[in-house]
Amino acid sequence: MAMAANLESMGKNDQALSIYQQIASIYPNSFNAPLALLSQVYLLKSENRIEEARRICETILTRYRESFWAGEAAQELRLLKPNASSQAPSAQRIPPLLTAPSSTPADALPPNSPKPR
């Protein structure tokens, strides 16, 4: 873990990612396995590899749900979810009525507005 963290601090993210992957696969039952996976998430996010980061968060939540790191993975997964408003087609904005419809009772109009004749 320390070697990968050192590589990461030196900006050698590809090498750090490789070591984190090795740790998680060689020692899947160790305390460091979910931490190594979570470290991959941070690196992948920095490289805008969001879908891979999401998959790793889901792996942590599945395999290591009892670990401390599961809470961190859940938080990261919430941050990685696509924004609902960015995927939904934009609704066409309908301008408000400039005048009150004639069928509206006068007492239903906002105060200080002219009463219809």
PDB file of N, CA and C in Angstrom:
ATOM      1  N   MET A   1       0.825  -1.181   0.000  1.00  0.00           N
ATOM      2  CA  MET A   1       0.000   0.000   0.000  1.00  0.00           C
ATOM      3  C   MET A   1       0.869   1.244   0.000  1.00  0.00           C
ATOM      4  N   ALA A   2       1.923   1.217   0.797  1.00  0.00           N
ATOM      5  CA  ALA A   2       2.785   2.396   0.895  1.00  0.00           C
ATOM      6  C   ALA A   2       3.462   2.693  -0.433  1.00  0.00           C
ATOM      7  N   MET A   3       3.872   1.649  -1.132  1.00  0.00           N
ATOM      8  CA  MET A   3       4.538   1.853  -2.418  1.00  0.00           C
ATOM      9  C   MET A   3       3.566   2.499  -3.410  1.00  0.00           C
ATOM     10  N   ALA A   4       2.338   2.026  -3.430  1.00  0.00           N
ATOM     11  CA  ALA A   4       1.342   2.597  -4.337  1.00  0.00           C
ATOM     12  C   ALA A   4       1.046   4.047  -3.968  1.00  0.00           C
ATOM     13  N   ALA A   5       0.942   4.325  -2.674  1.00  0.00           N
ATOM     14  CA  ALA A   5       0.682   5.700  -2.235  1.00  0.00           C
ATOM     15  C   ALA A   5       1.839   6.612  -2.611  1.00  0.00           C
ATOM     16  N   ASN A   6       3.062   6.110  -2.505  1.00  0.00           N
ATOM     17  CA  ASN A   6       4.224   6.910  -2.906  1.00  0.00           C
ATOM     18  C   ASN A   6       4.199   7.196  -4.404  1.00  0.00           C
ATOM     19  N   LEU A   7       3.892   6.190  -5.191  1.00  0.00           N
ATOM     20  CA  LEU A   7       3.802   6.390  -6.642  1.00  0.00           C
ATOM     21  C   LEU A   7       2.708   7.400  -6.979  1.00  0.00           C
ATOM     22  N   GLU A   8       1.603   7.298  -6.262  1.00  0.00           N
ATOM     23  CA  GLU A   8       0.498   8.228  -6.491  1.00  0.00           C
ATOM     24  C   GLU A   8       0.915   9.659  -6.164  1.00  0.00           C
ATOM     25  N   SER A   9       1.644   9.828  -5.073  1.00  0.00           N
ATOM     26  CA  SER A   9       2.082  11.177  -4.688  1.00  0.00           C
ATOM     27  C   SER A   9       3.107  11.748  -5.665  1.00  0.00           C
ATOM     28  N   MET A  10       3.802  10.869  -6.397  1.00  0.00           N
ATOM     29  CA  MET A  10       4.772  11.324  -7.395  1.00  0.00           C
ATOM     30  C   MET A  10       4.115  11.540  -8.753  1.00  0.00           C
ATOM     31  N   GLY A  11       2.786  11.318  -8.821  1.00  0.00           N
ATOM     32  CA  GLY A  11       2.083  11.531 -10.077  1.00  0.00           C
ATOM     33  C   GLY A  11       2.127  10.349 -11.028  1.00  0.00           C
ATOM     34  N   LYS A  12       2.590   9.223 -10.545  1.00  0.00           N
ATOM     35  CA  LYS A  12       2.659   8.018 -11.380  1.00  0.00           C
ATOM     36  C   LYS A  12       1.402   7.186 -11.132  1.00  0.00           C
ATOM     37  N   ASN A  13       0.289   7.746 -11.561  1.00  0.00           N
ATOM     38  CA  ASN A  13      -1.011   7.150 -11.252  1.00  0.00           C
ATOM     39  C   ASN A  13      -1.225   5.780 -11.885  1.00  0.00           C
ATOM     40  N   ASP A  14      -0.727   5.563 -13.089  1.00  0.00           N
ATOM     41  CA  ASP A  14      -0.908   4.264 -13.736  1.00  0.00           C
ATOM     42  C   ASP A  14      -0.204   3.156 -12.955  1.00  0.00           C
ATOM     43  N   GLN A  15       1.007   3.445 -12.487  1.00  0.00           N
ATOM     44  CA  GLN A  15       1.740   2.448 -11.704  1.00  0.00           C
ATOM     45  C   GLN A  15       1.078   2.223 -10.346  1.00  0.00           C
ATOM     46  N   ALA A  16       0.609   3.293  -9.726  1.00  0.00           N
ATOM     47  CA  ALA A  16      -0.081   3.170  -8.441  1.00  0.00           C
ATOM     48  C   ALA A  16      -1.356   2.348  -8.607  1.00  0.00           C
ATOM     49  N   LEU A  17      -2.099   2.608  -9.667  1.00  0.00           N
ATOM     50  CA  LEU A  17      -3.331   1.874  -9.928  1.00  0.00           C
ATOM     51  C   LEU A  17      -3.045   0.387 -10.090  1.00  0.00           C
ATOM     52  N   SER A  18      -1.980   0.077 -10.781  1.00  0.00           N
ATOM     53  CA  SER A  18      -1.595  -1.320 -10.988  1.00  0.00           C
ATOM     54  C   SER A  18      -1.288  -2.013  -9.654  1.00  0.00           C
ATOM     55  N   ILE A  19      -0.582  -1.330  -8.777  1.00  0.00           N
ATOM     56  CA  ILE A  19      -0.253  -1.932  -7.477  1.00  0.00           C
ATOM     57  C   ILE A  19      -1.510  -2.090  -6.623  1.00  0.00           C
ATOM     58  N   TYR A  20      -2.383  -1.092  -6.624  1.00  0.00           N
ATOM     59  CA  TYR A  20      -3.638  -1.225  -5.879  1.00  0.00           C
ATOM     60  C   TYR A  20      -4.443  -2.421  -6.393  1.00  0.00           C
ATOM     61  N   GLN A  21      -4.455  -2.627  -7.707  1.00  0.00           N
ATOM     62  CA  GLN A  21      -5.176  -3.761  -8.283  1.00  0.00           C
ATOM     63  C   GLN A  21      -4.558  -5.082  -7.839  1.00  0.00           C
ATOM     64  N   GLN A  22      -3.232  -5.126  -7.810  1.00  0.00           N
ATOM     65  CA  GLN A  22      -2.546  -6.345  -7.374  1.00  0.00           C
ATOM     66  C   GLN A  22      -2.860  -6.663  -5.913  1.00  0.00           C
ATOM     67  N   ILE A  23      -2.827  -5.656  -5.072  1.00  0.00           N
ATOM     68  CA  ILE A  23      -3.107  -5.869  -3.649  1.00  0.00           C
ATOM     69  C   ILE A  23      -4.511  -6.432  -3.464  1.00  0.00           C
ATOM     70  N   ALA A  24      -5.483  -5.830  -4.147  1.00  0.00           N
ATOM     71  CA  ALA A  24      -6.868  -6.272  -4.001  1.00  0.00           C
ATOM     72  C   ALA A  24      -7.072  -7.693  -4.531  1.00  0.00           C
ATOM     73  N   SER A  25      -6.359  -8.069  -5.578  1.00  0.00           N
ATOM     74  CA  SER A  25      -6.561  -9.412  -6.141  1.00  0.00           C
ATOM     75  C   SER A  25      -5.734 -10.485  -5.432  1.00  0.00           C
ATOM     76  N   ILE A  26      -4.525 -10.156  -4.990  1.00  0.00           N
ATOM     77  CA  ILE A  26      -3.672 -11.150  -4.334  1.00  0.00           C
ATOM     78  C   ILE A  26      -4.088 -11.383  -2.880  1.00  0.00           C
ATOM     79  N   TYR A  27      -4.549 -10.326  -2.206  1.00  0.00           N
ATOM     80  CA  TYR A  27      -4.919 -10.417  -0.794  1.00  0.00           C
ATOM     81  C   TYR A  27      -6.383 -10.013  -0.584  1.00  0.00           C
ATOM     82  N   PRO A  28      -7.323 -10.739  -1.187  1.00  0.00           N
ATOM     83  CA  PRO A  28      -8.726 -10.311  -1.124  1.00  0.00           C
ATOM     84  C   PRO A  28      -9.340 -10.354   0.281  1.00  0.00           C
ATOM     85  N   ASN A  29      -8.750 -11.117   1.187  1.00  0.00           N
ATOM     86  CA  ASN A  29      -9.308 -11.238   2.535  1.00  0.00           C
ATOM     87  C   ASN A  29      -8.599 -10.363   3.559  1.00  0.00           C
ATOM     88  N   SER A  30      -7.688  -9.529   3.107  1.00  0.00           N
ATOM     89  CA  SER A  30      -6.952  -8.678   4.042  1.00  0.00           C
ATOM     90  C   SER A  30      -7.704  -7.375   4.298  1.00  0.00           C
ATOM     91  N   PHE A  31      -7.314  -6.699   5.358  1.00  0.00           N
ATOM     92  CA  PHE A  31      -7.885  -5.400   5.682  1.00  0.00           C
ATOM     93  C   PHE A  31      -7.597  -4.395   4.571  1.00  0.00           C
ATOM     94  N   ASN A  32      -6.472  -4.568   3.904  1.00  0.00           N
ATOM     95  CA  ASN A  32      -6.058  -3.620   2.868  1.00  0.00           C
ATOM     96  C   ASN A  32      -6.804  -3.784   1.545  1.00  0.00           C
ATOM     97  N   ALA A  33      -7.462  -4.902   1.336  1.00  0.00           N
ATOM     98  CA  ALA A  33      -8.133  -5.127   0.048  1.00  0.00           C
ATOM     99  C   ALA A  33      -9.195  -4.060  -0.251  1.00  0.00           C
ATOM    100  N   PRO A  34     -10.147  -3.793   0.649  1.00  0.00           N
ATOM    101  CA  PRO A  34     -11.126  -2.751   0.318  1.00  0.00           C
ATOM    102  C   PRO A  34     -10.500  -1.359   0.243  1.00  0.00           C
ATOM    103  N   LEU A  35      -9.463  -1.121   1.025  1.00  0.00           N
ATOM    104  CA  LEU A  35      -8.769   0.163   0.953  1.00  0.00           C
ATOM    105  C   LEU A  35      -8.068   0.311  -0.396  1.00  0.00           C
ATOM    106  N   ALA A  36      -7.471  -0.761  -0.877  1.00  0.00           N
ATOM    107  CA  ALA A  36      -6.822  -0.724  -2.193  1.00  0.00           C
ATOM    108  C   ALA A  36      -7.853  -0.477  -3.288  1.00  0.00           C
ATOM    109  N   LEU A  37      -9.021  -1.081  -3.141  1.00  0.00           N
ATOM    110  CA  LEU A  37     -10.084  -0.850  -4.118  1.00  0.00           C
ATOM    111  C   LEU A  37     -10.551   0.604  -4.074  1.00  0.00           C
ATOM    112  N   LEU A  38     -10.748   1.126  -2.876  1.00  0.00           N
ATOM    113  CA  LEU A  38     -11.196   2.507  -2.739  1.00  0.00           C
ATOM    114  C   LEU A  38     -10.146   3.480  -3.282  1.00  0.00           C
ATOM    115  N   SER A  39      -8.890   3.162  -3.094  1.00  0.00           N
ATOM    116  CA  SER A  39      -7.822   3.999  -3.645  1.00  0.00           C
ATOM    117  C   SER A  39      -7.885   4.020  -5.174  1.00  0.00           C
ATOM    118  N   GLN A  40      -8.287   2.898  -5.747  1.00  0.00           N
ATOM    119  CA  GLN A  40      -8.466   2.856  -7.200  1.00  0.00           C
ATOM    120  C   GLN A  40      -9.582   3.804  -7.630  1.00  0.00           C
ATOM    121  N   VAL A  41     -10.646   3.874  -6.826  1.00  0.00           N
ATOM    122  CA  VAL A  41     -11.775   4.744  -7.150  1.00  0.00           C
ATOM    123  C   VAL A  41     -11.309   6.189  -7.271  1.00  0.00           C
ATOM    124  N   TYR A  42     -10.506   6.635  -6.300  1.00  0.00           N
ATOM    125  CA  TYR A  42     -10.034   8.021  -6.325  1.00  0.00           C
ATOM    126  C   TYR A  42      -9.183   8.292  -7.574  1.00  0.00           C
ATOM    127  N   LEU A  43      -8.327   7.346  -7.924  1.00  0.00           N
ATOM    128  CA  LEU A  43      -7.490   7.526  -9.115  1.00  0.00           C
ATOM    129  C   LEU A  43      -8.335   7.524 -10.391  1.00  0.00           C
ATOM    130  N   LEU A  44      -9.284   6.620 -10.455  1.00  0.00           N
ATOM    131  CA  LEU A  44     -10.131   6.541 -11.643  1.00  0.00           C
ATOM    132  C   LEU A  44     -10.985   7.801 -11.795  1.00  0.00           C
ATOM    133  N   LYS A  45     -11.468   8.332 -10.677  1.00  0.00           N
ATOM    134  CA  LYS A  45     -12.232   9.580 -10.736  1.00  0.00           C
ATOM    135  C   LYS A  45     -11.368  10.707 -11.283  1.00  0.00           C
ATOM    136  N   SER A  46     -10.122  10.764 -10.853  1.00  0.00           N
ATOM    137  CA  SER A  46      -9.245  11.840 -11.313  1.00  0.00           C
ATOM    138  C   SER A  46      -8.964  11.733 -12.810  1.00  0.00           C
ATOM    139  N   GLU A  47      -9.084  10.531 -13.354  1.00  0.00           N
ATOM    140  CA  GLU A  47      -8.878  10.316 -14.784  1.00  0.00           C
ATOM    141  C   GLU A  47     -10.199  10.299 -15.548  1.00  0.00           C
ATOM    142  N   ASN A  48     -11.295  10.639 -14.866  1.00  0.00           N
ATOM    143  CA  ASN A  48     -12.629  10.700 -15.456  1.00  0.00           C
ATOM    144  C   ASN A  48     -13.088   9.350 -15.999  1.00  0.00           C
ATOM    145  N   ARG A  49     -12.677   8.281 -15.343  1.00  0.00           N
ATOM    146  CA  ARG A  49     -13.105   6.926 -15.696  1.00  0.00           C
ATOM    147  C   ARG A  49     -14.206   6.535 -14.703  1.00  0.00           C
ATOM    148  N   ILE A  50     -15.318   7.223 -14.819  1.00  0.00           N
ATOM    149  CA  ILE A  50     -16.383   7.174 -13.838  1.00  0.00           C
ATOM    150  C   ILE A  50     -17.045   5.798 -13.767  1.00  0.00           C
ATOM    151  N   GLU A  51     -17.311   5.191 -14.887  1.00  0.00           N
ATOM    152  CA  GLU A  51     -18.005   3.899 -14.880  1.00  0.00           C
ATOM    153  C   GLU A  51     -17.171   2.827 -14.179  1.00  0.00           C
ATOM    154  N   GLU A  52     -15.857   2.822 -14.405  1.00  0.00           N
ATOM    155  CA  GLU A  52     -14.985   1.873 -13.719  1.00  0.00           C
ATOM    156  C   GLU A  52     -14.982   2.135 -12.213  1.00  0.00           C
ATOM    157  N   ALA A  53     -14.956   3.402 -11.845  1.00  0.00           N
ATOM    158  CA  ALA A  53     -14.976   3.764 -10.433  1.00  0.00           C
ATOM    159  C   ALA A  53     -16.275   3.298  -9.779  1.00  0.00           C
ATOM    160  N   ARG A  54     -17.394   3.460 -10.477  1.00  0.00           N
ATOM    161  CA  ARG A  54     -18.683   3.011  -9.942  1.00  0.00           C
ATOM    162  C   ARG A  54     -18.689   1.501  -9.727  1.00  0.00           C
ATOM    163  N   ARG A  55     -18.155   0.751 -10.684  1.00  0.00           N
ATOM    164  CA  ARG A  55     -18.127  -0.710 -10.554  1.00  0.00           C
ATOM    165  C   ARG A  55     -17.309  -1.133  -9.340  1.00  0.00           C
ATOM    166  N   ILE A  56     -16.205  -0.445  -9.109  1.00  0.00           N
ATOM    167  CA  ILE A  56     -15.364  -0.794  -7.963  1.00  0.00           C
ATOM    168  C   ILE A  56     -16.082  -0.470  -6.654  1.00  0.00           C
ATOM    169  N   CYS A  57     -16.785   0.648  -6.605  1.00  0.00           N
ATOM    170  CA  CYS A  57     -17.574   0.978  -5.403  1.00  0.00           C
ATOM    171  C   CYS A  57     -18.610  -0.106  -5.139  1.00  0.00           C
ATOM    172  N   GLU A  58     -19.258  -0.572  -6.179  1.00  0.00           N
ATOM    173  CA  GLU A  58     -20.252  -1.636  -6.021  1.00  0.00           C
ATOM    174  C   GLU A  58     -19.603  -2.932  -5.552  1.00  0.00           C
ATOM    175  N   THR A  59     -18.391  -3.203  -6.008  1.00  0.00           N
ATOM    176  CA  THR A  59     -17.653  -4.379  -5.556  1.00  0.00           C
ATOM    177  C   THR A  59     -17.357  -4.281  -4.065  1.00  0.00           C
ATOM    178  N   ILE A  60     -16.924  -3.120  -3.624  1.00  0.00           N
ATOM    179  CA  ILE A  60     -16.643  -2.925  -2.198  1.00  0.00           C
ATOM    180  C   ILE A  60     -17.915  -3.152  -1.385  1.00  0.00           C
ATOM    181  N   LEU A  61     -19.021  -2.585  -1.848  1.00  0.00           N
ATOM    182  CA  LEU A  61     -20.281  -2.729  -1.119  1.00  0.00           C
ATOM    183  C   LEU A  61     -20.781  -4.170  -1.106  1.00  0.00           C
ATOM    184  N   THR A  62     -20.421  -4.951  -2.113  1.00  0.00           N
ATOM    185  CA  THR A  62     -20.844  -6.346  -2.177  1.00  0.00           C
ATOM    186  C   THR A  62     -19.932  -7.254  -1.358  1.00  0.00           C
ATOM    187  N   ARG A  63     -18.638  -7.157  -1.597  1.00  0.00           N
ATOM    188  CA  ARG A  63     -17.688  -8.071  -0.947  1.00  0.00           C
ATOM    189  C   ARG A  63     -17.291  -7.665   0.464  1.00  0.00           C
ATOM    190  N   TYR A  64     -17.289  -6.387   0.735  1.00  0.00           N
ATOM    191  CA  TYR A  64     -16.754  -5.891   2.013  1.00  0.00           C
ATOM    192  C   TYR A  64     -17.778  -5.023   2.749  1.00  0.00           C
ATOM    193  N   ARG A  65     -19.043  -5.406   2.680  1.00  0.00           N
ATOM    194  CA  ARG A  65     -20.115  -4.579   3.242  1.00  0.00           C
ATOM    195  C   ARG A  65     -19.993  -4.372   4.750  1.00  0.00           C
ATOM    196  N   GLU A  66     -19.267  -5.214   5.450  1.00  0.00           N
ATOM    197  CA  GLU A  66     -19.093  -5.077   6.894  1.00  0.00           C
ATOM    198  C   GLU A  66     -17.868  -4.244   7.264  1.00  0.00           C
ATOM    199  N   SER A  67     -17.082  -3.852   6.289  1.00  0.00           N
ATOM    200  CA  SER A  67     -15.852  -3.117   6.581  1.00  0.00           C
ATOM    201  C   SER A  67     -16.124  -1.629   6.731  1.00  0.00           C
ATOM    202  N   PHE A  68     -15.187  -0.952   7.344  1.00  0.00           N
ATOM    203  CA  PHE A  68     -15.248   0.500   7.473  1.00  0.00           C
ATOM    204  C   PHE A  68     -15.323   1.157   6.100  1.00  0.00           C
ATOM    205  N   TRP A  69     -14.635   0.593   5.143  1.00  0.00           N
ATOM    206  CA  TRP A  69     -14.519   1.201   3.815  1.00  0.00           C
ATOM    207  C   TRP A  69     -15.815   1.127   3.014  1.00  0.00           C
ATOM    208  N   ALA A  70     -16.755   0.294   3.438  1.00  0.00           N
ATOM    209  CA  ALA A  70     -18.033   0.203   2.731  1.00  0.00           C
ATOM    210  C   ALA A  70     -18.789   1.534   2.808  1.00  0.00           C
ATOM    211  N   GLY A  71     -18.728   2.192   3.950  1.00  0.00           N
ATOM    212  CA  GLY A  71     -19.375   3.501   4.083  1.00  0.00           C
ATOM    213  C   GLY A  71     -18.754   4.529   3.154  1.00  0.00           C
ATOM    214  N   GLU A  72     -17.437   4.495   3.055  1.00  0.00           N
ATOM    215  CA  GLU A  72     -16.749   5.414   2.141  1.00  0.00           C
ATOM    216  C   GLU A  72     -17.125   5.116   0.689  1.00  0.00           C
ATOM    217  N   ALA A  73     -17.221   3.832   0.366  1.00  0.00           N
ATOM    218  CA  ALA A  73     -17.588   3.445  -1.000  1.00  0.00           C
ATOM    219  C   ALA A  73     -19.013   3.877  -1.324  1.00  0.00           C
ATOM    220  N   ALA A  74     -19.910   3.754  -0.347  1.00  0.00           N
ATOM    221  CA  ALA A  74     -21.297   4.185  -0.566  1.00  0.00           C
ATOM    222  C   ALA A  74     -21.359   5.685  -0.824  1.00  0.00           C
ATOM    223  N   GLN A  75     -20.585   6.433  -0.076  1.00  0.00           N
ATOM    224  CA  GLN A  75     -20.553   7.886  -0.279  1.00  0.00           C
ATOM    225  C   GLN A  75     -20.000   8.227  -1.657  1.00  0.00           C
ATOM    226  N   GLU A  76     -18.932   7.578  -2.048  1.00  0.00           N
ATOM    227  CA  GLU A  76     -18.360   7.826  -3.375  1.00  0.00           C
ATOM    228  C   GLU A  76     -19.342   7.442  -4.471  1.00  0.00           C
ATOM    229  N   LEU A  77     -20.049   6.342  -4.270  1.00  0.00           N
ATOM    230  CA  LEU A  77     -21.009   5.909  -5.280  1.00  0.00           C
ATOM    231  C   LEU A  77     -22.116   6.941  -5.452  1.00  0.00           C
ATOM    232  N   ARG A  78     -22.570   7.536  -4.351  1.00  0.00           N
ATOM    233  CA  ARG A  78     -23.580   8.597  -4.456  1.00  0.00           C
ATOM    234  C   ARG A  78     -23.038   9.780  -5.251  1.00  0.00           C
ATOM    235  N   LEU A  79     -21.771  10.103  -5.047  1.00  0.00           N
ATOM    236  CA  LEU A  79     -21.165  11.221  -5.769  1.00  0.00           C
ATOM    237  C   LEU A  79     -20.955  10.899  -7.248  1.00  0.00           C
ATOM    238  N   LEU A  80     -20.812   9.617  -7.550  1.00  0.00           N
ATOM    239  CA  LEU A  80     -20.552   9.208  -8.930  1.00  0.00           C
ATOM    240  C   LEU A  80     -21.820   9.001  -9.747  1.00  0.00           C
ATOM    241  N   LYS A  81     -22.986   9.005  -9.087  1.00  0.00           N
ATOM    242  CA  LYS A  81     -24.221   8.802  -9.833  1.00  0.00           C
ATOM    243  C   LYS A  81     -24.420   9.948 -10.804  1.00  0.00           C
ATOM    244  N   PRO A  82     -24.893   9.625 -12.007  1.00  0.00           N
ATOM    245  CA  PRO A  82     -25.139  10.694 -12.974  1.00  0.00           C
ATOM    246  C   PRO A  82     -26.240  11.612 -12.460  1.00  0.00           C
ATOM    247  N   ASN A  83     -26.108  12.865 -12.735  1.00  0.00           N
ATOM    248  CA  ASN A  83     -27.086  13.856 -12.326  1.00  0.00           C
ATOM    249  C   ASN A  83     -28.384  13.619 -13.093  1.00  0.00           C
ATOM    250  N   ALA A  84     -29.477  13.463 -12.380  1.00  0.00           N
ATOM    251  CA  ALA A  84     -30.759  13.159 -13.028  1.00  0.00           C
ATOM    252  C   ALA A  84     -31.175  14.260 -13.993  1.00  0.00           C
ATOM    253  N   SER A  85     -30.893  15.503 -13.643  1.00  0.00           N
ATOM    254  CA  SER A  85     -31.303  16.592 -14.529  1.00  0.00           C
ATOM    255  C   SER A  85     -30.471  16.642 -15.802  1.00  0.00           C
ATOM    256  N   SER A  86     -29.255  16.114 -15.755  1.00  0.00           N
ATOM    257  CA  SER A  86     -28.432  16.148 -16.963  1.00  0.00           C
ATOM    258  C   SER A  86     -28.855  15.078 -17.960  1.00  0.00           C
ATOM    259  N   GLN A  87     -29.503  13.995 -17.464  1.00  0.00           N
ATOM    260  CA  GLN A  87     -29.930  12.946 -18.374  1.00  0.00           C
ATOM    261  C   GLN A  87     -31.347  13.165 -18.890  1.00  0.00           C
ATOM    262  N   ALA A  88     -32.180  13.808 -18.096  1.00  0.00           N
ATOM    263  CA  ALA A  88     -33.564  14.018 -18.500  1.00  0.00           C
ATOM    264  C   ALA A  88     -33.624  15.092 -19.579  1.00  0.00           C
ATOM    265  N   PRO A  89     -34.475  14.892 -20.572  1.00  0.00           N
ATOM    266  CA  PRO A  89     -34.599  15.944 -21.585  1.00  0.00           C
ATOM    267  C   PRO A  89     -35.158  17.192 -20.926  1.00  0.00           C
ATOM    268  N   SER A  90     -34.653  18.316 -21.349  1.00  0.00           N
ATOM    269  CA  SER A  90     -35.098  19.548 -20.715  1.00  0.00           C
ATOM    270  C   SER A  90     -36.546  19.823 -21.086  1.00  0.00           C
ATOM    271  N   ALA A  91     -37.338  20.104 -20.074  1.00  0.00           N
ATOM    272  CA  ALA A  91     -38.751  20.398 -20.293  1.00  0.00           C
ATOM    273  C   ALA A  91     -38.867  21.794 -20.884  1.00  0.00           C
ATOM    274  N   GLN A  92     -39.781  21.922 -21.777  1.00  0.00           N
ATOM    275  CA  GLN A  92     -39.975  23.224 -22.393  1.00  0.00           C
ATOM    276  C   GLN A  92     -40.656  24.128 -21.365  1.00  0.00           C
ATOM    277  N   ARG A  93     -40.087  25.277 -21.164  1.00  0.00           N
ATOM    278  CA  ARG A  93     -40.651  26.205 -20.192  1.00  0.00           C
ATOM    279  C   ARG A  93     -41.862  26.882 -20.806  1.00  0.00           C
ATOM    280  N   ILE A  94     -42.961  26.839 -20.072  1.00  0.00           N
ATOM    281  CA  ILE A  94     -44.189  27.482 -20.534  1.00  0.00           C
ATOM    282  C   ILE A  94     -44.294  28.818 -19.836  1.00  0.00           C
ATOM    283  N   PRO A  95     -44.387  29.906 -20.587  1.00  0.00           N
ATOM    284  CA  PRO A  95     -44.458  31.218 -19.946  1.00  0.00           C
ATOM    285  C   PRO A  95     -45.765  31.368 -19.185  1.00  0.00           C
ATOM    286  N   PRO A  96     -45.750  32.097 -18.069  1.00  0.00           N
ATOM    287  CA  PRO A  96     -46.982  32.289 -17.306  1.00  0.00           C
ATOM    288  C   PRO A  96     -47.964  33.148 -18.101  1.00  0.00           C
ATOM    289  N   LEU A  97     -49.222  33.002 -17.758  1.00  0.00           N
ATOM    290  CA  LEU A  97     -50.250  33.805 -18.427  1.00  0.00           C
ATOM    291  C   LEU A  97     -50.069  35.269 -18.061  1.00  0.00           C
ATOM    292  N   LEU A  98     -50.197  36.122 -19.020  1.00  0.00           N
ATOM    293  CA  LEU A  98     -50.049  37.551 -18.755  1.00  0.00           C
ATOM    294  C   LEU A  98     -51.324  38.153 -18.185  1.00  0.00           C
ATOM    295  N   THR A  99     -52.443  37.564 -18.532  1.00  0.00           N
ATOM    296  CA  THR A  99     -53.714  38.051 -17.992  1.00  0.00           C
ATOM    297  C   THR A  99     -54.447  36.879 -17.384  1.00  0.00           C
ATOM    298  N   ALA A 100     -55.302  37.158 -16.440  1.00  0.00           N
ATOM    299  CA  ALA A 100     -56.080  36.100 -15.808  1.00  0.00           C
ATOM    300  C   ALA A 100     -57.142  35.626 -16.772  1.00  0.00           C
ATOM    301  N   PRO A 101     -57.378  34.316 -16.842  1.00  0.00           N
ATOM    302  CA  PRO A 101     -58.439  33.825 -17.712  1.00  0.00           C
ATOM    303  C   PRO A 101     -59.786  34.356 -17.229  1.00  0.00           C
ATOM    304  N   SER A 102     -60.695  34.506 -18.169  1.00  0.00           N
ATOM    305  CA  SER A 102     -61.993  35.102 -17.839  1.00  0.00           C
ATOM    306  C   SER A 102     -62.816  34.209 -16.924  1.00  0.00           C
ATOM    307  N   SER A 103     -62.495  32.920 -16.866  1.00  0.00           N
ATOM    308  CA  SER A 103     -63.278  32.024 -16.022  1.00  0.00           C
ATOM    309  C   SER A 103     -62.802  32.039 -14.572  1.00  0.00           C
ATOM    310  N   THR A 104     -61.722  32.769 -14.266  1.00  0.00           N
ATOM    311  CA  THR A 104     -61.199  32.813 -12.909  1.00  0.00           C
ATOM    312  C   THR A 104     -62.038  33.761 -12.065  1.00  0.00           C
ATOM    313  N   PRO A 105     -62.509  33.306 -10.907  1.00  0.00           N
ATOM    314  CA  PRO A 105     -63.268  34.210 -10.049  1.00  0.00           C
ATOM    315  C   PRO A 105     -62.375  35.330  -9.555  1.00  0.00           C
ATOM    316  N   ALA A 106     -62.956  36.490  -9.342  1.00  0.00           N
ATOM    317  CA  ALA A 106     -62.188  37.663  -8.938  1.00  0.00           C
ATOM    318  C   ALA A 106     -61.501  37.459  -7.599  1.00  0.00           C
ATOM    319  N   ASP A 107     -62.118  36.712  -6.689  1.00  0.00           N
ATOM    320  CA  ASP A 107     -61.493  36.521  -5.373  1.00  0.00           C
ATOM    321  C   ASP A 107     -60.351  35.504  -5.415  1.00  0.00           C
ATOM    322  N   ALA A 108     -60.122  34.785  -6.534  1.00  0.00           N
ATOM    323  CA  ALA A 108     -59.014  33.856  -6.667  1.00  0.00           C
ATOM    324  C   ALA A 108     -57.753  34.544  -7.171  1.00  0.00           C
ATOM    325  N   LEU A 109     -57.868  35.800  -7.570  1.00  0.00           N
ATOM    326  CA  LEU A 109     -56.711  36.538  -8.059  1.00  0.00           C
ATOM    327  C   LEU A 109     -55.862  37.000  -6.879  1.00  0.00           C
ATOM    328  N   PRO A 110     -54.547  37.194  -7.095  1.00  0.00           N
ATOM    329  CA  PRO A 110     -53.687  37.669  -6.026  1.00  0.00           C
ATOM    330  C   PRO A 110     -54.123  39.038  -5.543  1.00  0.00           C
ATOM    331  N   PRO A 111     -53.836  39.383  -4.281  1.00  0.00           N
ATOM    332  CA  PRO A 111     -54.206  40.700  -3.775  1.00  0.00           C
ATOM    333  C   PRO A 111     -53.537  41.803  -4.583  1.00  0.00           C
ATOM    334  N   ASN A 112     -54.151  42.936  -4.617  1.00  0.00           N
ATOM    335  CA  ASN A 112     -53.665  44.141  -5.315  1.00  0.00           C
ATOM    336  C   ASN A 112     -53.657  43.988  -6.832  1.00  0.00           C
ATOM    337  N   SER A 113     -54.280  42.949  -7.353  1.00  0.00           N
ATOM    338  CA  SER A 113     -54.337  42.830  -8.806  1.00  0.00           C
ATOM    339  C   SER A 113     -55.676  43.419  -9.267  1.00  0.00           C
ATOM    340  N   PRO A 114     -55.699  43.960 -10.476  1.00  0.00           N
ATOM    341  CA  PRO A 114     -56.955  44.561 -10.967  1.00  0.00           C
ATOM    342  C   PRO A 114     -58.022  43.481 -11.118  1.00  0.00           C
ATOM    343  N   LYS A 115     -59.218  43.794 -10.717  1.00  0.00           N
ATOM    344  CA  LYS A 115     -60.333  42.850 -10.809  1.00  0.00           C
ATOM    345  C   LYS A 115     -60.862  42.845 -12.233  1.00  0.00           C
ATOM    346  N   PRO A 116     -61.167  41.665 -12.790  1.00  0.00           N
ATOM    347  CA  PRO A 116     -61.702  41.624 -14.161  1.00  0.00           C
ATOM    348  C   PRO A 116     -63.111  42.234 -14.192  1.00  0.00           C
ATOM    349  N   ARG A 117     -63.476  42.810 -15.317  1.00  0.00           N
ATOM    350  CA  ARG A 117     -64.812  43.430 -15.477  1.00  0.00           C
ATOM    351  C   ARG A 117     -65.753  42.532 -16.205  1.00  0.00           C
TER     352      ARG A 117
END
